[in-house]
Structures are given as structure tokens and as C-alpha cells.
Amino acid sequence: MPKAVLYAIIAVLVVGGGIFAYQQYEKKQDTLQIEIGPKGMKVDPPNR
């Protein structure tokens, strides 16, 4: 198998993995966030 084909397959896998990881990251942003600090407690509801 030519090296160019192997590089193309690797590039497709890397890009696909990056897209999947970003989608999972965005899903986790839609969760309830509670922060406790010196000014008290802050609650951010999920963005929908």
C-alpha cells in the first residue's frame, strides 16, 4: 500500500476523532454548573 494512502487514512481518523471529541465536549457544556467562591454560590443552568 502506498504511503500516501496510509497518510490519508491516518488524517481521516485524526480529523474524525477530533470532531467526535469536540461534540462530546460541547455536550458536557450543557450541564448544571455550580461554583462556590468567596462571593458566595453561583449556579449556571444549562443553556438550551
C-alpha atoms as a PDB file:
ATOM      1  CA  MET A   1       0.000   0.000   0.000  1.00  0.00           C
ATOM      2  CA  PRO A   2       1.431   3.406  -0.933  1.00  0.00           C
ATOM      3  CA  LYS A   3       2.487   5.770   1.827  1.00  0.00           C
ATOM      4  CA  ALA A   4       0.090   8.456   0.564  1.00  0.00           C
ATOM      5  CA  VAL A   5      -2.874   6.149   1.150  1.00  0.00           C
ATOM      6  CA  LEU A   6      -1.715   5.387   4.691  1.00  0.00           C
ATOM      7  CA  TYR A   7      -1.249   9.086   5.427  1.00  0.00           C
ATOM      8  CA  ALA A   8      -4.724   9.819   4.063  1.00  0.00           C
ATOM      9  CA  ILE A   9      -6.288   7.124   6.277  1.00  0.00           C
ATOM     10  CA  ILE A  10      -4.463   8.465   9.335  1.00  0.00           C
ATOM     11  CA  ALA A  11      -5.575  12.030   8.528  1.00  0.00           C
ATOM     12  CA  VAL A  12      -9.215  10.938   8.207  1.00  0.00           C
ATOM     13  CA  LEU A  13      -9.052   9.117  11.550  1.00  0.00           C
ATOM     14  CA  VAL A  14      -7.443  12.088  13.305  1.00  0.00           C
ATOM     15  CA  VAL A  15      -9.972  14.577  11.923  1.00  0.00           C
ATOM     16  CA  GLY A  16     -12.887  12.253  12.705  1.00  0.00           C
ATOM     17  CA  GLY A  17     -11.614  11.736  16.248  1.00  0.00           C
ATOM     18  CA  GLY A  18     -11.224  15.468  16.731  1.00  0.00           C
ATOM     19  CA  ILE A  19     -14.774  16.143  15.563  1.00  0.00           C
ATOM     20  CA  PHE A  20     -16.134  13.417  17.860  1.00  0.00           C
ATOM     21  CA  ALA A  21     -14.168  14.754  20.839  1.00  0.00           C
ATOM     22  CA  TYR A  22     -15.399  18.304  20.210  1.00  0.00           C
ATOM     23  CA  GLN A  23     -19.023  17.135  20.039  1.00  0.00           C
ATOM     24  CA  GLN A  24     -18.618  15.337  23.368  1.00  0.00           C
ATOM     25  CA  TYR A  25     -17.053  18.469  24.855  1.00  0.00           C
ATOM     26  CA  GLU A  26     -19.991  20.589  23.682  1.00  0.00           C
ATOM     27  CA  LYS A  27     -22.490  18.137  25.213  1.00  0.00           C
ATOM     28  CA  LYS A  28     -20.789  18.468  28.585  1.00  0.00           C
ATOM     29  CA  GLN A  29     -21.164  22.258  28.407  1.00  0.00           C
ATOM     30  CA  ASP A  30     -24.958  21.793  28.701  1.00  0.00           C
ATOM     31  CA  THR A  31     -24.768  20.640  32.309  1.00  0.00           C
ATOM     32  CA  LEU A  32     -25.595  22.459  35.502  1.00  0.00           C
ATOM     33  CA  GLN A  33     -22.562  24.313  36.825  1.00  0.00           C
ATOM     34  CA  ILE A  34     -22.269  25.264  40.491  1.00  0.00           C
ATOM     35  CA  GLU A  35     -19.361  27.423  41.625  1.00  0.00           C
ATOM     36  CA  ILE A  36     -18.605  28.223  45.253  1.00  0.00           C
ATOM     37  CA  GLY A  37     -16.230  31.070  45.923  1.00  0.00           C
ATOM     38  CA  PRO A  38     -15.534  33.990  48.257  1.00  0.00           C
ATOM     39  CA  LYS A  39     -18.560  35.907  46.918  1.00  0.00           C
ATOM     40  CA  GLY A  40     -20.957  33.043  47.621  1.00  0.00           C
ATOM     41  CA  MET A  41     -22.507  30.408  45.399  1.00  0.00           C
ATOM     42  CA  LYS A  42     -23.202  30.842  41.675  1.00  0.00           C
ATOM     43  CA  VAL A  43     -25.479  28.452  39.777  1.00  0.00           C
ATOM     44  CA  ASP A  44     -25.472  28.421  35.959  1.00  0.00           C
ATOM     45  CA  PRO A  45     -28.366  26.429  34.478  1.00  0.00           C
ATOM     46  CA  PRO A  46     -27.798  24.501  31.253  1.00  0.00           C
ATOM     47  CA  ASN A  47     -28.000  26.553  28.049  1.00  0.00           C
ATOM     48  CA  ARG A  48     -30.774  25.301  25.827  1.00  0.00           C
END
